[in-house]
PDB file of N, CA and C in Angstrom:
ATOM      1  N   MET A   1     -39.659 -14.532  61.167  1.00  0.00           N
ATOM      2  CA  MET A   1     -40.309 -15.313  62.173  1.00  0.00           C
ATOM      3  C   MET A   1     -39.492 -16.563  62.494  1.00  0.00           C
ATOM      4  N   ALA A   2     -38.768 -17.095  61.534  1.00  0.00           N
ATOM      5  CA  ALA A   2     -38.046 -18.335  61.751  1.00  0.00           C
ATOM      6  C   ALA A   2     -36.942 -18.176  62.787  1.00  0.00           C
ATOM      7  N   SER A   3     -36.315 -17.016  62.854  1.00  0.00           N
ATOM      8  CA  SER A   3     -35.255 -16.815  63.821  1.00  0.00           C
ATOM      9  C   SER A   3     -35.798 -16.604  65.230  1.00  0.00           C
ATOM     10  N   GLU A   4     -37.031 -16.123  65.342  1.00  0.00           N
ATOM     11  CA  GLU A   4     -37.621 -15.854  66.649  1.00  0.00           C
ATOM     12  C   GLU A   4     -38.083 -17.137  67.338  1.00  0.00           C
ATOM     13  N   ALA A   5     -38.776 -18.000  66.616  1.00  0.00           N
ATOM     14  CA  ALA A   5     -39.297 -19.239  67.186  1.00  0.00           C
ATOM     15  C   ALA A   5     -39.157 -20.337  66.150  1.00  0.00           C
ATOM     16  N   PRO A   6     -38.116 -21.157  66.241  1.00  0.00           N
ATOM     17  CA  PRO A   6     -37.883 -22.162  65.190  1.00  0.00           C
ATOM     18  C   PRO A   6     -38.951 -23.245  65.122  1.00  0.00           C
ATOM     19  N   LEU A   7     -39.645 -23.510  66.215  1.00  0.00           N
ATOM     20  CA  LEU A   7     -40.668 -24.553  66.207  1.00  0.00           C
ATOM     21  C   LEU A   7     -42.010 -24.043  65.708  1.00  0.00           C
ATOM     22  N   LEU A   8     -42.189 -22.730  65.716  1.00  0.00           N
ATOM     23  CA  LEU A   8     -43.504 -22.174  65.369  1.00  0.00           C
ATOM     24  C   LEU A   8     -43.850 -22.389  63.894  1.00  0.00           C
ATOM     25  N   GLN A   9     -42.887 -22.246  63.000  1.00  0.00           N
ATOM     26  CA  GLN A   9     -43.176 -22.350  61.565  1.00  0.00           C
ATOM     27  C   GLN A   9     -43.715 -23.731  61.179  1.00  0.00           C
ATOM     28  N   PRO A  10     -43.127 -24.847  61.601  1.00  0.00           N
ATOM     29  CA  PRO A  10     -43.719 -26.150  61.242  1.00  0.00           C
ATOM     30  C   PRO A  10     -45.092 -26.377  61.866  1.00  0.00           C
ATOM     31  N   VAL A  11     -45.292 -25.864  63.063  1.00  0.00           N
ATOM     32  CA  VAL A  11     -46.594 -26.031  63.709  1.00  0.00           C
ATOM     33  C   VAL A  11     -47.662 -25.245  62.957  1.00  0.00           C
ATOM     34  N   VAL A  12     -47.338 -24.029  62.550  1.00  0.00           N
ATOM     35  CA  VAL A  12     -48.301 -23.211  61.802  1.00  0.00           C
ATOM     36  C   VAL A  12     -48.587 -23.850  60.444  1.00  0.00           C
ATOM     37  N   THR A  13     -47.563 -24.359  59.791  1.00  0.00           N
ATOM     38  CA  THR A  13     -47.766 -25.020  58.501  1.00  0.00           C
ATOM     39  C   THR A  13     -48.637 -26.269  58.662  1.00  0.00           C
ATOM     40  N   GLY A  14     -48.378 -27.054  59.685  1.00  0.00           N
ATOM     41  CA  GLY A  14     -49.216 -28.225  59.944  1.00  0.00           C
ATOM     42  C   GLY A  14     -50.650 -27.849  60.258  1.00  0.00           C
ATOM     43  N   GLY A  15     -50.825 -26.769  61.011  1.00  0.00           N
ATOM     44  CA  GLY A  15     -52.174 -26.286  61.315  1.00  0.00           C
ATOM     45  C   GLY A  15     -52.910 -25.831  60.066  1.00  0.00           C
ATOM     46  N   LEU A  16     -52.193 -25.160  59.169  1.00  0.00           N
ATOM     47  CA  LEU A  16     -52.822 -24.723  57.915  1.00  0.00           C
ATOM     48  C   LEU A  16     -53.271 -25.918  57.086  1.00  0.00           C
ATOM     49  N   ILE A  17     -52.433 -26.940  57.015  1.00  0.00           N
ATOM     50  CA  ILE A  17     -52.790 -28.135  56.241  1.00  0.00           C
ATOM     51  C   ILE A  17     -53.994 -28.841  56.867  1.00  0.00           C
ATOM     52  N   LEU A  18     -53.993 -28.963  58.197  1.00  0.00           N
ATOM     53  CA  LEU A  18     -55.085 -29.629  58.891  1.00  0.00           C
ATOM     54  C   LEU A  18     -56.405 -28.877  58.708  1.00  0.00           C
ATOM     55  N   VAL A  19     -56.370 -27.571  58.873  1.00  0.00           N
ATOM     56  CA  VAL A  19     -57.601 -26.784  58.743  1.00  0.00           C
ATOM     57  C   VAL A  19     -58.102 -26.809  57.297  1.00  0.00           C
ATOM     58  N   ALA A  20     -57.182 -26.786  56.333  1.00  0.00           N
ATOM     59  CA  ALA A  20     -57.602 -26.865  54.935  1.00  0.00           C
ATOM     60  C   ALA A  20     -58.270 -28.208  54.633  1.00  0.00           C
ATOM     61  N   ALA A  21     -57.725 -29.289  55.178  1.00  0.00           N
ATOM     62  CA  ALA A  21     -58.334 -30.611  54.966  1.00  0.00           C
ATOM     63  C   ALA A  21     -59.713 -30.680  55.620  1.00  0.00           C
ATOM     64  N   LEU A  22     -59.836 -30.137  56.811  1.00  0.00           N
ATOM     65  CA  LEU A  22     -61.138 -30.144  57.484  1.00  0.00           C
ATOM     66  C   LEU A  22     -62.158 -29.293  56.731  1.00  0.00           C
ATOM     67  N   THR A  23     -61.686 -28.240  56.096  1.00  0.00           N
ATOM     68  CA  THR A  23     -62.587 -27.415  55.290  1.00  0.00           C
ATOM     69  C   THR A  23     -63.112 -28.201  54.096  1.00  0.00           C
ATOM     70  N   LEU A  24     -62.256 -29.025  53.505  1.00  0.00           N
ATOM     71  CA  LEU A  24     -62.699 -29.871  52.391  1.00  0.00           C
ATOM     72  C   LEU A  24     -63.751 -30.879  52.855  1.00  0.00           C
ATOM     73  N   PHE A  25     -63.542 -31.472  54.028  1.00  0.00           N
ATOM     74  CA  PHE A  25     -64.535 -32.418  54.562  1.00  0.00           C
ATOM     75  C   PHE A  25     -65.861 -31.710  54.841  1.00  0.00           C
ATOM     76  N   ALA A  26     -65.797 -30.496  55.359  1.00  0.00           N
ATOM     77  CA  ALA A  26     -67.032 -29.733  55.595  1.00  0.00           C
ATOM     78  C   ALA A  26     -67.714 -29.388  54.271  1.00  0.00           C
ATOM     79  N   GLY A  27     -66.926 -29.135  53.239  1.00  0.00           N
ATOM     80  CA  GLY A  27     -67.496 -28.898  51.915  1.00  0.00           C
ATOM     81  C   GLY A  27     -68.241 -30.103  51.391  1.00  0.00           C
ATOM     82  N   TYR A  28     -67.694 -31.285  51.674  1.00  0.00           N
ATOM     83  CA  TYR A  28     -68.403 -32.519  51.296  1.00  0.00           C
ATOM     84  C   TYR A  28     -69.749 -32.596  52.008  1.00  0.00           C
ATOM     85  N   ARG A  29     -69.781 -32.219  53.304  1.00  0.00           N
ATOM     86  CA  ARG A  29     -71.030 -32.263  54.067  1.00  0.00           C
ATOM     87  C   ARG A  29     -72.024 -31.239  53.528  1.00  0.00           C
ATOM     88  N   VAL A  30     -71.542 -30.103  53.042  1.00  0.00           N
ATOM     89  CA  VAL A  30     -72.444 -29.112  52.454  1.00  0.00           C
ATOM     90  C   VAL A  30     -73.105 -29.689  51.205  1.00  0.00           C
ATOM     91  N   ILE A  31     -72.328 -30.403  50.410  1.00  0.00           N
ATOM     92  CA  ILE A  31     -72.867 -30.945  49.153  1.00  0.00           C
ATOM     93  C   ILE A  31     -73.772 -32.146  49.418  1.00  0.00           C
ATOM     94  N   LYS A  32     -73.344 -33.075  50.263  1.00  0.00           N
ATOM     95  CA  LYS A  32     -74.065 -34.326  50.482  1.00  0.00           C
ATOM     96  C   LYS A  32     -74.898 -34.354  51.751  1.00  0.00           C
ATOM     97  N   GLY A  33     -74.971 -33.247  52.470  1.00  0.00           N
ATOM     98  CA  GLY A  33     -75.680 -33.240  53.751  1.00  0.00           C
ATOM     99  C   GLY A  33     -77.099 -33.744  53.598  1.00  0.00           C
ATOM    100  N   PRO A  34     -77.517 -34.651  54.484  1.00  0.00           N
ATOM    101  CA  PRO A  34     -78.859 -35.198  54.299  1.00  0.00           C
ATOM    102  C   PRO A  34     -79.965 -34.185  54.626  1.00  0.00           C
ATOM    103  N   THR A  35     -79.704 -33.261  55.541  1.00  0.00           N
ATOM    104  CA  THR A  35     -80.735 -32.293  55.893  1.00  0.00           C
ATOM    105  C   THR A  35     -80.181 -30.879  55.781  1.00  0.00           C
ATOM    106  N   VAL A  36     -81.090 -29.934  55.778  1.00  0.00           N
ATOM    107  CA  VAL A  36     -80.680 -28.534  55.684  1.00  0.00           C
ATOM    108  C   VAL A  36     -79.888 -28.094  56.922  1.00  0.00           C
ATOM    109  N   PRO A  37     -80.291 -28.462  58.144  1.00  0.00           N
ATOM    110  CA  PRO A  37     -79.464 -28.070  59.294  1.00  0.00           C
ATOM    111  C   PRO A  37     -78.036 -28.617  59.235  1.00  0.00           C
ATOM    112  N   ASP A  38     -77.857 -29.819  58.677  1.00  0.00           N
ATOM    113  CA  ASP A  38     -76.497 -30.337  58.512  1.00  0.00           C
ATOM    114  C   ASP A  38     -75.681 -29.430  57.602  1.00  0.00           C
ATOM    115  N   ARG A  39     -76.307 -28.973  56.549  1.00  0.00           N
ATOM    116  CA  ARG A  39     -75.605 -28.077  55.620  1.00  0.00           C
ATOM    117  C   ARG A  39     -75.300 -26.734  56.259  1.00  0.00           C
ATOM    118  N   VAL A  40     -76.207 -26.233  57.089  1.00  0.00           N
ATOM    119  CA  VAL A  40     -75.972 -24.954  57.769  1.00  0.00           C
ATOM    120  C   VAL A  40     -74.794 -25.077  58.731  1.00  0.00           C
ATOM    121  N   VAL A  41     -74.749 -26.167  59.475  1.00  0.00           N
ATOM    122  CA  VAL A  41     -73.638 -26.380  60.403  1.00  0.00           C
ATOM    123  C   VAL A  41     -72.330 -26.524  59.633  1.00  0.00           C
ATOM    124  N   ALA A  42     -72.368 -27.207  58.500  1.00  0.00           N
ATOM    125  CA  ALA A  42     -71.157 -27.365  57.691  1.00  0.00           C
ATOM    126  C   ALA A  42     -70.696 -26.014  57.144  1.00  0.00           C
ATOM    127  N   LEU A  43     -71.629 -25.171  56.731  1.00  0.00           N
ATOM    128  CA  LEU A  43     -71.249 -23.833  56.259  1.00  0.00           C
ATOM    129  C   LEU A  43     -70.646 -23.002  57.383  1.00  0.00           C
ATOM    130  N   ASP A  44     -71.204 -23.111  58.581  1.00  0.00           N
ATOM    131  CA  ASP A  44     -70.636 -22.408  59.729  1.00  0.00           C
ATOM    132  C   ASP A  44     -69.230 -22.918  60.033  1.00  0.00           C
ATOM    133  N   THR A  45     -69.035 -24.225  59.892  1.00  0.00           N
ATOM    134  CA  THR A  45     -67.706 -24.797  60.097  1.00  0.00           C
ATOM    135  C   THR A  45     -66.713 -24.271  59.070  1.00  0.00           C
ATOM    136  N   ILE A  46     -67.142 -24.156  57.829  1.00  0.00           N
ATOM    137  CA  ILE A  46     -66.259 -23.616  56.798  1.00  0.00           C
ATOM    138  C   ILE A  46     -65.888 -22.173  57.128  1.00  0.00           C
ATOM    139  N   GLY A  47     -66.866 -21.388  57.586  1.00  0.00           N
ATOM    140  CA  GLY A  47     -66.570 -20.006  57.956  1.00  0.00           C
ATOM    141  C   GLY A  47     -65.573 -19.924  59.100  1.00  0.00           C
ATOM    142  N   THR A  48     -65.746 -20.783  60.081  1.00  0.00           N
ATOM    143  CA  THR A  48     -64.810 -20.810  61.214  1.00  0.00           C
ATOM    144  C   THR A  48     -63.419 -21.238  60.759  1.00  0.00           C
ATOM    145  N   ASN A  49     -63.363 -22.207  59.850  1.00  0.00           N
ATOM    146  CA  ASN A  49     -62.066 -22.663  59.349  1.00  0.00           C
ATOM    147  C   ASN A  49     -61.369 -21.577  58.529  1.00  0.00           C
ATOM    148  N   VAL A  50     -62.120 -20.794  57.789  1.00  0.00           N
ATOM    149  CA  VAL A  50     -61.513 -19.701  57.021  1.00  0.00           C
ATOM    150  C   VAL A  50     -60.934 -18.650  57.971  1.00  0.00           C
ATOM    151  N   VAL A  51     -61.624 -18.405  59.076  1.00  0.00           N
ATOM    152  CA  VAL A  51     -61.095 -17.485  60.089  1.00  0.00           C
ATOM    153  C   VAL A  51     -59.785 -18.038  60.660  1.00  0.00           C
ATOM    154  N   ALA A  52     -59.769 -19.330  60.937  1.00  0.00           N
ATOM    155  CA  ALA A  52     -58.548 -19.959  61.466  1.00  0.00           C
ATOM    156  C   ALA A  52     -57.417 -19.897  60.450  1.00  0.00           C
ATOM    157  N   ILE A  53     -57.730 -20.105  59.175  1.00  0.00           N
ATOM    158  CA  ILE A  53     -56.701 -20.034  58.131  1.00  0.00           C
ATOM    159  C   ILE A  53     -56.124 -18.621  58.060  1.00  0.00           C
ATOM    160  N   ALA A  54     -56.979 -17.602  58.146  1.00  0.00           N
ATOM    161  CA  ALA A  54     -56.489 -16.219  58.103  1.00  0.00           C
ATOM    162  C   ALA A  54     -55.605 -15.919  59.312  1.00  0.00           C
ATOM    163  N   ALA A  55     -55.998 -16.390  60.481  1.00  0.00           N
ATOM    164  CA  ALA A  55     -55.191 -16.150  61.680  1.00  0.00           C
ATOM    165  C   ALA A  55     -53.854 -16.891  61.602  1.00  0.00           C
ATOM    166  N   LEU A  56     -53.877 -18.131  61.128  1.00  0.00           N
ATOM    167  CA  LEU A  56     -52.617 -18.878  60.989  1.00  0.00           C
ATOM    168  C   LEU A  56     -51.722 -18.259  59.925  1.00  0.00           C
ATOM    169  N   PHE A  57     -52.322 -17.760  58.861  1.00  0.00           N
ATOM    170  CA  PHE A  57     -51.533 -17.090  57.825  1.00  0.00           C
ATOM    171  C   PHE A  57     -50.915 -15.814  58.371  1.00  0.00           C
ATOM    172  N   ALA A  58     -51.636 -15.113  59.256  1.00  0.00           N
ATOM    173  CA  ALA A  58     -51.072 -13.922  59.910  1.00  0.00           C
ATOM    174  C   ALA A  58     -49.869 -14.306  60.756  1.00  0.00           C
ATOM    175  N   LEU A  59     -49.958 -15.447  61.438  1.00  0.00           N
ATOM    176  CA  LEU A  59     -48.811 -15.916  62.217  1.00  0.00           C
ATOM    177  C   LEU A  59     -47.635 -16.281  61.316  1.00  0.00           C
ATOM    178  N   ALA A  60     -47.926 -16.919  60.189  1.00  0.00           N
ATOM    179  CA  ALA A  60     -46.861 -17.381  59.306  1.00  0.00           C
ATOM    180  C   ALA A  60     -46.146 -16.231  58.626  1.00  0.00           C
ATOM    181  N   THR A  61     -46.890 -15.206  58.251  1.00  0.00           N
ATOM    182  CA  THR A  61     -46.291 -14.102  57.514  1.00  0.00           C
ATOM    183  C   THR A  61     -45.910 -12.921  58.387  1.00  0.00           C
ATOM    184  N   GLY A  62     -46.487 -12.818  59.573  1.00  0.00           N
ATOM    185  CA  GLY A  62     -46.202 -11.680  60.433  1.00  0.00           C
ATOM    186  C   GLY A  62     -46.969 -10.432  60.062  1.00  0.00           C
ATOM    187  N   GLU A  63     -47.942 -10.561  59.172  1.00  0.00           N
ATOM    188  CA  GLU A  63     -48.758  -9.424  58.744  1.00  0.00           C
ATOM    189  C   GLU A  63     -49.976  -9.312  59.660  1.00  0.00           C
ATOM    190  N   GLY A  64     -50.111  -8.184  60.320  1.00  0.00           N
ATOM    191  CA  GLY A  64     -51.225  -7.970  61.225  1.00  0.00           C
ATOM    192  C   GLY A  64     -52.549  -7.743  60.532  1.00  0.00           C
ATOM    193  N   LEU A  65     -52.505  -7.414  59.251  1.00  0.00           N
ATOM    194  CA  LEU A  65     -53.728  -7.161  58.498  1.00  0.00           C
ATOM    195  C   LEU A  65     -54.618  -8.401  58.455  1.00  0.00           C
ATOM    196  N   PHE A  66     -54.008  -9.576  58.417  1.00  0.00           N
ATOM    197  CA  PHE A  66     -54.803 -10.808  58.328  1.00  0.00           C
ATOM    198  C   PHE A  66     -55.561 -11.088  59.622  1.00  0.00           C
ATOM    199  N   VAL A  67     -55.089 -10.564  60.727  1.00  0.00           N
ATOM    200  CA  VAL A  67     -55.842 -10.696  61.979  1.00  0.00           C
ATOM    201  C   VAL A  67     -57.128  -9.884  61.883  1.00  0.00           C
ATOM    202  N   THR A  68     -57.009  -8.675  61.335  1.00  0.00           N
ATOM    203  CA  THR A  68     -58.198  -7.846  61.132  1.00  0.00           C
ATOM    204  C   THR A  68     -59.162  -8.521  60.174  1.00  0.00           C
ATOM    205  N   VAL A  69     -58.634  -9.092  59.114  1.00  0.00           N
ATOM    206  CA  VAL A  69     -59.476  -9.809  58.147  1.00  0.00           C
ATOM    207  C   VAL A  69     -60.185 -10.979  58.822  1.00  0.00           C
ATOM    208  N   SER A  70     -59.472 -11.690  59.670  1.00  0.00           N
ATOM    209  CA  SER A  70     -60.096 -12.832  60.337  1.00  0.00           C
ATOM    210  C   SER A  70     -61.201 -12.378  61.289  1.00  0.00           C
ATOM    211  N   LEU A  71     -61.010 -11.257  61.957  1.00  0.00           N
ATOM    212  CA  LEU A  71     -62.058 -10.759  62.854  1.00  0.00           C
ATOM    213  C   LEU A  71     -63.304 -10.343  62.072  1.00  0.00           C
ATOM    214  N   VAL A  72     -63.113  -9.680  60.955  1.00  0.00           N
ATOM    215  CA  VAL A  72     -64.251  -9.267  60.129  1.00  0.00           C
ATOM    216  C   VAL A  72     -64.976 -10.496  59.583  1.00  0.00           C
ATOM    217  N   LEU A  73     -64.212 -11.496  59.143  1.00  0.00           N
ATOM    218  CA  LEU A  73     -64.830 -12.737  58.655  1.00  0.00           C
ATOM    219  C   LEU A  73     -65.602 -13.444  59.760  1.00  0.00           C
ATOM    220  N   ALA A  74     -65.102 -13.404  60.983  1.00  0.00           N
ATOM    221  CA  ALA A  74     -65.805 -14.033  62.099  1.00  0.00           C
ATOM    222  C   ALA A  74     -67.133 -13.329  62.367  1.00  0.00           C
ATOM    223  N   ILE A  75     -67.137 -12.010  62.300  1.00  0.00           N
ATOM    224  CA  ILE A  75     -68.379 -11.262  62.520  1.00  0.00           C
ATOM    225  C   ILE A  75     -69.385 -11.568  61.412  1.00  0.00           C
ATOM    226  N   ILE A  76     -68.926 -11.552  60.169  1.00  0.00           N
ATOM    227  CA  ILE A  76     -69.820 -11.837  59.048  1.00  0.00           C
ATOM    228  C   ILE A  76     -70.345 -13.269  59.132  1.00  0.00           C
ATOM    229  N   GLY A  77     -69.497 -14.216  59.495  1.00  0.00           N
ATOM    230  CA  GLY A  77     -69.926 -15.600  59.635  1.00  0.00           C
ATOM    231  C   GLY A  77     -70.962 -15.780  60.723  1.00  0.00           C
ATOM    232  N   PHE A  78     -70.783 -15.080  61.847  1.00  0.00           N
ATOM    233  CA  PHE A  78     -71.749 -15.178  62.938  1.00  0.00           C
ATOM    234  C   PHE A  78     -73.103 -14.625  62.519  1.00  0.00           C
ATOM    235  N   ILE A  79     -73.103 -13.466  61.894  1.00  0.00           N
ATOM    236  CA  ILE A  79     -74.369 -12.851  61.475  1.00  0.00           C
ATOM    237  C   ILE A  79     -75.059 -13.702  60.416  1.00  0.00           C
ATOM    238  N   SER A  80     -74.298 -14.240  59.476  1.00  0.00           N
ATOM    239  CA  SER A  80     -74.916 -15.052  58.431  1.00  0.00           C
ATOM    240  C   SER A  80     -75.457 -16.366  58.999  1.00  0.00           C
ATOM    241  N   THR A  81     -74.780 -16.933  59.972  1.00  0.00           N
ATOM    242  CA  THR A  81     -75.285 -18.161  60.597  1.00  0.00           C
ATOM    243  C   THR A  81     -76.594 -17.893  61.323  1.00  0.00           C
ATOM    244  N   ILE A  82     -76.682 -16.781  62.019  1.00  0.00           N
ATOM    245  CA  ILE A  82     -77.923 -16.425  62.704  1.00  0.00           C
ATOM    246  C   ILE A  82     -79.044 -16.234  61.693  1.00  0.00           C
ATOM    247  N   ALA A  83     -78.755 -15.547  60.585  1.00  0.00           N
ATOM    248  CA  ALA A  83     -79.780 -15.279  59.571  1.00  0.00           C
ATOM    249  C   ALA A  83     -80.267 -16.574  58.921  1.00  0.00           C
ATOM    250  N   VAL A  84     -79.347 -17.456  58.567  1.00  0.00           N
ATOM    251  CA  VAL A  84     -79.736 -18.714  57.920  1.00  0.00           C
ATOM    252  C   VAL A  84     -80.493 -19.607  58.897  1.00  0.00           C
ATOM    253  N   SER A  85     -80.068 -19.626  60.140  1.00  0.00           N
ATOM    254  CA  SER A  85     -80.776 -20.423  61.146  1.00  0.00           C
ATOM    255  C   SER A  85     -82.198 -19.905  61.357  1.00  0.00           C
ATOM    256  N   GLN A  86     -82.334 -18.589  61.390  1.00  0.00           N
ATOM    257  CA  GLN A  86     -83.667 -17.982  61.525  1.00  0.00           C
ATOM    258  C   GLN A  86     -84.545 -18.361  60.336  1.00  0.00           C
ATOM    259  N   TYR A  87     -83.960 -18.376  59.138  1.00  0.00           N
ATOM    260  CA  TYR A  87     -84.714 -18.728  57.946  1.00  0.00           C
ATOM    261  C   TYR A  87     -85.118 -20.199  57.962  1.00  0.00           C
ATOM    262  N   VAL A  88     -84.222 -21.067  58.409  1.00  0.00           N
ATOM    263  CA  VAL A  88     -84.522 -22.504  58.438  1.00  0.00           C
ATOM    264  C   VAL A  88     -85.613 -22.799  59.457  1.00  0.00           C
ATOM    265  N   VAL A  89     -85.564 -22.151  60.604  1.00  0.00           N
ATOM    266  CA  VAL A  89     -86.519 -22.446  61.672  1.00  0.00           C
ATOM    267  C   VAL A  89     -87.885 -21.853  61.380  1.00  0.00           C
ATOM    268  N   GLU A  90     -87.918 -20.580  60.968  1.00  0.00           N
ATOM    269  CA  GLU A  90     -89.196 -19.891  60.836  1.00  0.00           C
ATOM    270  C   GLU A  90     -89.602 -19.586  59.398  1.00  0.00           C
ATOM    271  N   GLY A  91     -88.715 -19.795  58.449  1.00  0.00           N
ATOM    272  CA  GLY A  91     -89.054 -19.546  57.059  1.00  0.00           C
ATOM    273  C   GLY A  91     -88.984 -18.094  56.648  1.00  0.00           C
ATOM    274  N   ASP A  92     -88.588 -17.210  57.571  1.00  0.00           N
ATOM    275  CA  ASP A  92     -88.460 -15.794  57.273  1.00  0.00           C
ATOM    276  C   ASP A  92     -87.368 -15.211  58.158  1.00  0.00           C
ATOM    277  N   ILE A  93     -86.584 -14.305  57.603  1.00  0.00           N
ATOM    278  CA  ILE A  93     -85.488 -13.733  58.389  1.00  0.00           C
ATOM    279  C   ILE A  93     -85.986 -12.577  59.241  1.00  0.00           C
ATOM    280  N   ILE A  94     -86.731 -11.674  58.622  1.00  0.00           N
ATOM    281  CA  ILE A  94     -87.246 -10.504  59.336  1.00  0.00           C
ATOM    282  C   ILE A  94     -88.759 -10.623  59.389  1.00  0.00           C
ATOM    283  N   GLU A  95     -89.296 -10.573  60.603  1.00  0.00           N
ATOM    284  CA  GLU A  95     -90.755 -10.704  60.754  1.00  0.00           C
ATOM    285  C   GLU A  95     -91.414  -9.351  60.707  1.00  0.00           C
TER     286      GLU A  95
END
């Protein structure tokens, strides 16, 4: 990848560092969040950041498998966010 686009590798590395730091901040919000909805949003943010990390890692390594992994993680994150939100609002997931 370095011979194809010399500027891409530092940008991807910087993006990985930035997303990892933001994931740590979201983890702090999960632990110290004052309300349950704050924690749910922080968990959704962590899921989105993990998807971004997988996609950036796919760019860095050139492995297409990580793109598939990121798509599956995005689907699982979306479904789990809907389920947790339903539980927080109504107290039951399936009526």
